[in-house]
Protein backbone atom coordinates (compact mmCIF):
# COMPACT_ATOMS: atom_id res chain seq x y z
CA MET A 1 161.33 -57.10 146.84
CA GLY A 2 160.00 -60.66 147.14
CA ILE A 3 162.09 -63.83 147.16
CA ILE A 4 161.13 -64.42 143.44
CA LYS A 5 160.57 -61.40 141.26
CA ALA A 6 160.25 -61.03 137.45
CA PHE A 7 159.94 -57.87 135.46
CA LYS A 8 158.77 -57.96 131.86
CA LEU A 9 160.24 -61.45 131.57
CA GLY A 10 160.45 -63.02 128.14
CA PHE A 11 161.99 -66.20 126.80
CA ASP A 12 162.44 -67.45 123.18
CA TYR A 13 163.30 -71.02 122.13
CA LEU A 14 165.63 -70.84 119.08
CA LYS A 15 165.54 -73.20 116.08
CA TYR A 16 168.83 -73.53 114.27
CA ASP A 17 169.53 -74.74 110.72
CA GLU A 18 172.25 -77.19 109.70
CA ASP A 19 174.88 -74.42 109.72
CA GLY A 20 174.08 -73.31 113.22
CA ASN A 21 172.26 -70.18 112.22
CA VAL A 22 168.99 -69.20 113.87
CA GLU A 23 166.16 -69.78 111.44
CA ALA A 24 163.17 -69.35 113.75
CA THR A 25 162.16 -68.34 117.28
CA GLN A 26 159.26 -69.41 119.36
CA ARG A 27 158.08 -67.14 122.22
CA ALA A 28 157.44 -69.32 125.25
CA VAL A 29 157.24 -66.64 127.99
CA ASN A 30 156.03 -63.13 127.26
CA ASP A 31 156.11 -59.99 129.39
CA VAL A 32 155.62 -61.77 132.76
CA ASN A 33 155.65 -59.83 136.04
CA LEU A 34 155.82 -61.72 139.30
CA ASP A 35 156.43 -60.80 142.94
CA ILE A 36 156.45 -63.82 145.33
CA GLU A 37 157.06 -63.19 149.01
CA ALA A 38 159.01 -65.43 151.29
CA GLY A 39 156.78 -68.13 152.86
CA ASP A 40 154.15 -67.99 150.15
CA PHE A 41 152.59 -70.94 148.52
CA VAL A 42 152.05 -69.94 144.84
CA ALA A 43 150.54 -72.11 142.12
CA VAL A 44 151.03 -71.53 138.40
CA LEU A 45 148.31 -73.09 136.26
CA GLY A 46 148.12 -73.61 132.50
CA HIS A 47 147.42 -76.21 129.83
CA ASN A 48 150.30 -77.95 128.02
CA GLY A 49 152.31 -75.45 126.11
CA SER A 50 151.21 -72.43 128.08
CA GLY A 51 154.78 -71.63 129.19
CA LYS A 52 154.53 -72.56 132.87
CA SER A 53 157.45 -75.07 132.84
CA THR A 54 159.65 -72.61 130.97
CA LEU A 55 158.77 -70.04 133.63
CA ALA A 56 159.73 -72.53 136.34
CA LYS A 57 163.19 -73.15 134.82
CA GLN A 58 163.77 -69.38 134.91
CA MET A 59 163.39 -69.44 138.71
CA ASN A 60 166.29 -71.84 139.04
CA ALA A 61 168.43 -70.23 136.31
CA LEU A 62 168.22 -73.37 134.19
CA LEU A 63 167.06 -70.90 131.52
CA ILE A 64 168.24 -67.31 131.21
CA PRO A 65 165.73 -64.61 130.16
CA SER A 66 165.75 -63.52 126.47
CA GLU A 67 164.51 -60.24 127.75
CA GLY A 68 163.48 -58.66 131.06
CA THR A 69 164.83 -59.78 134.39
CA MET A 70 164.30 -62.60 136.91
CA TRP A 71 165.60 -62.11 140.48
CA VAL A 72 165.90 -64.85 143.10
CA ASP A 73 166.60 -63.54 146.58
CA ASP A 74 167.73 -60.21 145.07
CA MET A 75 170.16 -62.06 142.62
CA ASP A 76 169.81 -61.49 138.87
CA THR A 77 169.62 -64.97 137.20
CA ALA A 78 171.36 -63.59 134.11
CA LYS A 79 174.57 -62.83 136.04
CA GLU A 80 176.74 -65.92 135.82
CA PRO A 81 178.74 -65.41 139.10
CA GLU A 82 175.43 -65.70 140.99
CA LEU A 83 174.37 -68.98 139.36
CA TRP A 84 175.30 -71.45 142.12
CA LYS A 85 174.00 -69.13 144.86
CA ILE A 86 170.72 -68.97 143.05
CA ARG A 87 170.47 -72.71 142.74
CA GLN A 88 171.13 -73.14 146.44
CA ARG A 89 168.36 -70.60 147.22
CA ALA A 90 165.78 -72.10 144.76
CA GLY A 91 165.59 -75.93 144.76
CA MET A 92 163.98 -77.64 141.80
CA VAL A 93 161.80 -80.79 141.78
CA PHE A 94 161.00 -82.17 138.40
CA GLN A 95 158.04 -84.16 136.98
CA ASN A 96 159.84 -87.55 136.89
CA PRO A 97 161.57 -88.41 140.10
CA ASP A 98 163.72 -91.03 138.35
CA ASN A 99 165.47 -88.15 136.57
CA GLN A 100 166.50 -86.68 139.92
CA ILE A 101 167.40 -89.69 142.07
CA ILE A 102 170.98 -90.92 141.64
CA GLY A 103 171.64 -92.82 144.92
CA THR A 104 171.27 -96.63 145.38
CA VAL A 105 170.05 -96.08 148.96
CA VAL A 106 167.53 -93.42 149.97
CA GLU A 107 169.66 -91.77 152.62
CA GLU A 108 172.67 -91.58 150.30
CA ASP A 109 170.57 -89.84 147.70
CA VAL A 110 169.25 -87.24 150.15
CA GLY A 111 172.79 -86.47 151.31
CA PHE A 112 174.16 -86.08 147.78
CA GLY A 113 173.26 -82.38 147.34
CA PRO A 114 174.75 -81.19 150.66
CA GLU A 115 177.89 -83.22 150.07
CA ASN A 116 178.38 -81.48 146.69
CA MET A 117 177.99 -78.14 148.52
CA GLY A 118 180.91 -79.08 150.84
CA VAL A 119 178.79 -79.47 153.93
CA PRO A 120 180.72 -81.18 156.79
CA THR A 121 179.89 -84.88 157.10
CA GLU A 122 178.33 -84.56 160.62
CA GLU A 123 176.03 -81.76 159.34
CA ILE A 124 175.08 -83.79 156.25
CA TRP A 125 173.72 -86.62 158.38
CA LYS A 126 171.75 -84.20 160.52
CA ARG A 127 170.26 -82.76 157.37
CA VAL A 128 169.47 -86.18 156.08
CA ASP A 129 167.74 -87.18 159.29
CA ASP A 130 165.78 -83.81 159.33
CA SER A 131 164.69 -83.91 155.60
CA LEU A 132 163.57 -87.54 155.72
CA LYS A 133 161.42 -86.71 158.90
CA LYS A 134 159.92 -83.58 157.20
CA THR A 135 158.92 -85.63 154.22
CA GLY A 136 157.71 -88.68 156.04
CA MET A 137 160.35 -90.96 154.59
CA THR A 138 162.47 -91.85 157.66
CA ALA A 139 161.21 -95.49 157.60
CA TYR A 140 162.61 -95.90 154.06
CA ARG A 141 166.03 -94.44 154.62
CA TYR A 142 167.92 -97.77 153.92
CA ALA A 143 165.58 -98.74 151.08
CA SER A 144 166.56 -98.82 147.39
CA PRO A 145 164.72 -96.03 145.50
CA ASN A 146 163.93 -98.54 142.73
CA LYS A 147 161.60 -100.40 145.19
CA LEU A 148 159.59 -97.33 146.14
CA SER A 149 156.23 -96.17 144.74
CA GLY A 150 156.08 -93.14 142.50
CA GLY A 151 154.80 -90.90 145.44
CA GLN A 152 157.54 -92.21 147.65
CA LYS A 153 160.25 -91.47 145.07
CA GLN A 154 159.00 -88.00 144.56
CA ARG A 155 159.12 -87.40 148.35
CA VAL A 156 162.70 -88.61 148.34
CA ALA A 157 163.42 -86.13 145.49
CA ILE A 158 161.83 -83.35 147.62
CA ALA A 159 163.90 -84.51 150.71
CA GLY A 160 167.07 -84.21 148.63
CA VAL A 161 166.21 -80.65 147.80
CA VAL A 162 165.23 -79.84 151.39
CA ALA A 163 168.55 -81.16 152.62
CA MET A 164 170.25 -78.37 150.74
CA ARG A 165 168.19 -75.80 152.82
CA PRO A 166 166.88 -73.72 149.90
CA SER A 167 164.75 -70.62 150.62
CA CYS A 168 162.17 -71.79 148.19
CA ILE A 169 161.28 -74.96 146.28
CA VAL A 170 160.00 -74.90 142.68
CA LEU A 171 158.05 -77.95 141.76
CA ASP A 172 157.48 -78.52 138.03
CA GLU A 173 154.33 -80.74 137.70
CA PRO A 174 155.59 -83.03 140.46
CA THR A 175 152.49 -85.19 140.52
CA ALA A 176 151.88 -85.54 136.75
CA MET A 177 153.19 -89.19 136.68
CA LEU A 178 151.59 -90.25 139.96
CA ASP A 179 148.40 -92.01 140.93
CA PRO A 180 145.90 -90.25 143.36
CA ASN A 181 147.59 -91.69 146.46
CA GLY A 182 151.03 -90.61 145.27
CA ARG A 183 149.68 -87.18 144.46
CA ARG A 184 148.25 -86.77 147.92
CA GLU A 185 151.45 -87.92 149.57
CA VAL A 186 153.52 -85.35 147.67
CA LEU A 187 151.17 -82.53 148.30
CA GLU A 188 150.96 -83.28 151.96
CA ALA A 189 154.73 -83.24 152.20
CA VAL A 190 154.97 -79.87 150.37
CA SER A 191 152.22 -78.33 152.42
CA GLU A 192 153.99 -79.38 155.65
CA LEU A 193 157.25 -77.71 154.54
CA ASN A 194 155.35 -74.52 153.66
CA GLN A 195 153.31 -74.27 156.82
CA LYS A 196 155.74 -75.60 159.43
CA GLU A 197 159.12 -74.57 157.97
CA ASN A 198 158.04 -71.39 156.16
CA VAL A 199 159.63 -72.72 152.92
CA THR A 200 158.37 -70.74 149.87
CA VAL A 201 156.71 -73.09 147.46
CA ILE A 202 156.04 -72.51 143.73
CA LEU A 203 153.92 -75.32 142.40
CA ILE A 204 153.58 -75.70 138.60
CA THR A 205 150.57 -77.93 137.83
CA HIS A 206 147.43 -78.42 135.64
CA TYR A 207 145.54 -80.25 138.38
CA MET A 208 143.07 -77.71 139.73
CA GLU A 209 142.48 -79.56 143.06
CA GLU A 210 146.16 -79.07 143.94
CA VAL A 211 145.99 -75.30 144.15
CA ILE A 212 143.06 -74.63 146.48
CA HIS A 213 145.30 -74.07 149.54
CA ALA A 214 147.71 -71.74 147.71
CA ASN A 215 148.09 -68.13 148.80
CA LYS A 216 148.01 -66.93 145.17
CA VAL A 217 147.45 -68.44 141.73
CA TYR A 218 148.82 -67.32 138.37
CA VAL A 219 147.15 -68.67 135.20
CA MET A 220 149.21 -68.78 131.99
CA ASP A 221 148.17 -69.00 128.40
CA ARG A 222 150.46 -68.80 125.31
CA GLY A 223 153.29 -67.50 127.49
CA ASN A 224 151.35 -64.78 129.08
CA VAL A 225 149.98 -64.37 132.65
CA VAL A 226 146.27 -63.99 131.93
CA MET A 227 144.80 -64.27 135.40
CA GLN A 228 146.06 -63.91 138.88
CA GLY A 229 144.44 -63.85 142.34
CA THR A 230 143.57 -66.11 145.31
CA PRO A 231 142.18 -69.58 144.47
CA ARG A 232 138.67 -68.36 145.31
CA GLU A 233 138.98 -65.35 143.05
CA ILE A 234 140.32 -67.56 140.17
CA PHE A 235 137.78 -70.36 140.53
CA SER A 236 134.89 -67.84 140.77
CA GLN A 237 135.55 -67.29 136.97
CA VAL A 238 134.60 -70.75 135.66
CA GLU A 239 133.67 -69.58 132.20
CA THR A 240 136.91 -67.58 131.78
CA LEU A 241 138.98 -70.67 132.82
CA LYS A 242 137.14 -72.80 130.29
CA LYS A 243 138.19 -70.21 127.65
CA TYR A 244 141.76 -70.98 128.54
CA ARG A 245 141.13 -74.68 128.25
CA LEU A 246 141.32 -75.35 131.98
CA ASP A 247 138.95 -77.30 134.19
CA VAL A 248 137.91 -76.35 137.74
CA PRO A 249 137.64 -78.66 140.76
CA GLN A 250 134.52 -80.84 140.48
CA VAL A 251 132.88 -79.30 143.59
CA THR A 252 133.50 -75.79 142.21
CA LEU A 253 131.92 -76.76 138.94
CA LEU A 254 128.90 -78.29 140.69
CA ALA A 255 128.46 -75.14 142.75
CA HIS A 256 128.71 -73.02 139.60
CA GLU A 257 125.97 -75.05 137.80
CA LEU A 258 123.72 -74.84 140.91
CA HIS A 259 124.33 -71.07 141.05
CA LYS A 260 123.33 -70.78 137.39
CA ALA A 261 120.23 -72.82 138.05
CA GLY A 262 119.09 -70.29 140.69
CA VAL A 263 120.36 -71.91 143.90
CA ASP A 264 121.38 -69.21 146.32
CA ILE A 265 125.01 -70.17 146.84
CA PRO A 266 128.23 -68.17 146.12
CA GLU A 267 130.62 -68.75 143.31
CA GLY A 268 134.15 -69.88 144.00
CA ILE A 269 133.36 -72.74 146.41
CA LEU A 270 136.54 -74.79 146.83
CA THR A 271 135.63 -77.81 149.03
CA LYS A 272 132.87 -80.23 149.69
CA GLU A 273 132.51 -78.92 153.20
CA GLU A 274 131.94 -75.38 151.89
CA LEU A 275 129.29 -76.55 149.40
CA VAL A 276 127.46 -78.54 152.08
CA GLY A 277 127.59 -75.51 154.41
CA ALA A 278 126.29 -73.20 151.66
CA LEU A 279 123.40 -75.57 150.82
CA CYS A 280 122.43 -75.97 154.44
CA ARG A 281 122.22 -72.29 155.24
């Protein structure tokens, strides 16, 4: 079994009337099956309302399945005694870093999680040093988070999660509120953790360019997983992605249009370098 596994997972949001009775349900996740191995970099794509953020919250037991099962490191998220162990295994980074940063100084914020876990003080500071180094924020350890850029704040939020030594990190649209430079900073930090520290990464996003280095991509629509495969396999299906109201990387779209026009290049090109190489052959 992988580190994150779901079987026939379903989740309903409930609407209550004034008396507290359920008057309506809305299915947000429907019959989802996942099997994510330790060390993987997995991306979950989908337009707004597709269910991808609801799925992310299931991985951290912030939401409990309405039906089916979600396991994190072999622990069932529906079993309350496992709750805190699950949240130590699967760290969560949200869209807005201001909702996650509570310290007045960067290093204090990063050490907050381990302190709550009862980690000895000496070990906390080792973890703070290590996490700031891994996310490229050592130079800002004494700074106020309020004076950081959006990308820097998000890296502090990631460092705070890393300091708790989770087996995997779930990032729920972590770059949605950032400019291009901030997005690049965050993605570089996440990729480093995945490649050098073997931390499992689940990235929830609607930016196509962010997923080209993932091991596997899941595409969601109306609560269902409608496509899955490698980035190349997914982006080779441009017309299908358009049907699900998703764009593709600009270079992939250009290659697709050239292919349709009769140019002898393959579908599923992901980078400018690949396109130049294909055109020069």
